[in-house]
């Protein structure tokens, strides 16, 4: 996510605490937050897909290959 969008999220949060937001600003804030959360989830999924776990038997198992095809919540 671009730094400008993150800065806008923070600016809207500060304005919300200080004086409140208009309906248009609330919608913008909600859309930006949804985009931010989706980006966090994508990054986390990519990290988890690259983790290898070594089992008690010494076999290496990639979590992305094991769980990667499951439906997201």
C-alpha atoms as a PDB file:
ATOM      1  CA  UNK A   1       0.000   0.000   0.000  1.00  0.00           C
ATOM      2  CA  UNK A   2       1.309   3.423  -0.872  1.00  0.00           C
ATOM      3  CA  UNK A   3       2.508   5.684   1.909  1.00  0.00           C
ATOM      4  CA  UNK A   4       0.081   8.396   0.776  1.00  0.00           C
ATOM      5  CA  UNK A   5      -2.901   6.146   1.517  1.00  0.00           C
ATOM      6  CA  UNK A   6      -1.530   5.247   4.941  1.00  0.00           C
ATOM      7  CA  UNK A   7      -1.021   8.936   5.671  1.00  0.00           C
ATOM      8  CA  UNK A   8      -4.635   9.591   4.617  1.00  0.00           C
ATOM      9  CA  UNK A   9      -5.900   6.840   6.966  1.00  0.00           C
ATOM     10  CA  UNK A  10      -3.974   8.467   9.816  1.00  0.00           C
ATOM     11  CA  UNK A  11      -5.213  11.955   8.924  1.00  0.00           C
ATOM     12  CA  UNK A  12      -8.826  10.760   8.894  1.00  0.00           C
ATOM     13  CA  UNK A  13      -8.337   9.012  12.247  1.00  0.00           C
ATOM     14  CA  UNK A  14      -6.950  12.200  13.800  1.00  0.00           C
ATOM     15  CA  UNK A  15      -9.776  14.283  12.338  1.00  0.00           C
ATOM     16  CA  UNK A  16     -12.337  11.756  13.570  1.00  0.00           C
ATOM     17  CA  UNK A  17     -11.078  12.126  17.138  1.00  0.00           C
ATOM     18  CA  UNK A  18     -10.767  15.904  16.961  1.00  0.00           C
ATOM     19  CA  UNK A  19     -13.920  17.054  15.202  1.00  0.00           C
ATOM     20  CA  UNK A  20     -15.702  14.156  13.532  1.00  0.00           C
ATOM     21  CA  UNK A  21     -16.018  13.060   9.913  1.00  0.00           C
ATOM     22  CA  UNK A  22     -18.542  13.719   7.177  1.00  0.00           C
ATOM     23  CA  UNK A  23     -20.356  10.770   5.610  1.00  0.00           C
ATOM     24  CA  UNK A  24     -18.078  10.936   2.552  1.00  0.00           C
ATOM     25  CA  UNK A  25     -14.996  10.885   4.769  1.00  0.00           C
ATOM     26  CA  UNK A  26     -16.369   7.943   6.762  1.00  0.00           C
ATOM     27  CA  UNK A  27     -16.865   5.981   3.529  1.00  0.00           C
ATOM     28  CA  UNK A  28     -13.360   6.891   2.348  1.00  0.00           C
ATOM     29  CA  UNK A  29     -11.918   5.842   5.696  1.00  0.00           C
ATOM     30  CA  UNK A  30     -13.764   2.522   5.577  1.00  0.00           C
ATOM     31  CA  UNK A  31     -12.558   1.761   2.030  1.00  0.00           C
ATOM     32  CA  UNK A  32      -8.981   2.662   2.892  1.00  0.00           C
ATOM     33  CA  UNK A  33      -9.076   0.501   6.015  1.00  0.00           C
ATOM     34  CA  UNK A  34     -10.482  -2.454   4.051  1.00  0.00           C
ATOM     35  CA  UNK A  35      -7.714  -2.091   1.470  1.00  0.00           C
ATOM     36  CA  UNK A  36      -5.108  -1.878   4.243  1.00  0.00           C
ATOM     37  CA  UNK A  37      -6.418  -5.017   5.977  1.00  0.00           C
ATOM     38  CA  UNK A  38      -6.531  -6.930   2.674  1.00  0.00           C
ATOM     39  CA  UNK A  39      -2.915  -5.944   2.052  1.00  0.00           C
ATOM     40  CA  UNK A  40      -1.872  -7.125   5.533  1.00  0.00           C
ATOM     41  CA  UNK A  41      -3.615 -10.472   4.953  1.00  0.00           C
ATOM     42  CA  UNK A  42      -1.914 -10.935   1.555  1.00  0.00           C
ATOM     43  CA  UNK A  43       1.494 -10.222   3.074  1.00  0.00           C
ATOM     44  CA  UNK A  44       0.898 -12.577   5.992  1.00  0.00           C
ATOM     45  CA  UNK A  45      -0.337 -15.340   3.669  1.00  0.00           C
ATOM     46  CA  UNK A  46       2.794 -14.952   1.522  1.00  0.00           C
ATOM     47  CA  UNK A  47       5.016 -15.236   4.600  1.00  0.00           C
ATOM     48  CA  UNK A  48       3.176 -18.286   5.933  1.00  0.00           C
ATOM     49  CA  UNK A  49       3.303 -19.983   2.526  1.00  0.00           C
ATOM     50  CA  UNK A  50       7.103 -19.815   2.655  1.00  0.00           C
ATOM     51  CA  UNK A  51       7.521 -21.455   6.076  1.00  0.00           C
ATOM     52  CA  UNK A  52       9.001 -24.947   6.245  1.00  0.00           C
ATOM     53  CA  UNK A  53       8.327 -27.099   9.308  1.00  0.00           C
ATOM     54  CA  UNK A  54      10.566 -30.003  10.216  1.00  0.00           C
ATOM     55  CA  UNK A  55       8.546 -32.818  11.761  1.00  0.00           C
ATOM     56  CA  UNK A  56       9.637 -35.211  14.496  1.00  0.00           C
ATOM     57  CA  UNK A  57      10.634 -37.730  11.824  1.00  0.00           C
ATOM     58  CA  UNK A  58      12.969 -35.160  10.202  1.00  0.00           C
ATOM     59  CA  UNK A  59      10.752 -34.656   7.162  1.00  0.00           C
ATOM     60  CA  UNK A  60      10.468 -31.061   5.906  1.00  0.00           C
ATOM     61  CA  UNK A  61       6.953 -29.879   5.111  1.00  0.00           C
ATOM     62  CA  UNK A  62       6.114 -26.576   3.422  1.00  0.00           C
ATOM     63  CA  UNK A  63       3.038 -24.921   4.960  1.00  0.00           C
ATOM     64  CA  UNK A  64       2.137 -23.229   1.680  1.00  0.00           C
ATOM     65  CA  UNK A  65       1.944 -26.560  -0.084  1.00  0.00           C
ATOM     66  CA  UNK A  66       0.054 -28.165   2.806  1.00  0.00           C
ATOM     67  CA  UNK A  67      -2.489 -25.401   3.528  1.00  0.00           C
ATOM     68  CA  UNK A  68      -2.205 -23.029   0.571  1.00  0.00           C
ATOM     69  CA  UNK A  69      -5.205 -24.382  -1.325  1.00  0.00           C
ATOM     70  CA  UNK A  70      -7.658 -23.929   1.539  1.00  0.00           C
ATOM     71  CA  UNK A  71     -10.426 -21.371   1.281  1.00  0.00           C
ATOM     72  CA  UNK A  72      -9.641 -18.105   3.078  1.00  0.00           C
ATOM     73  CA  UNK A  73     -11.863 -16.969   5.962  1.00  0.00           C
END
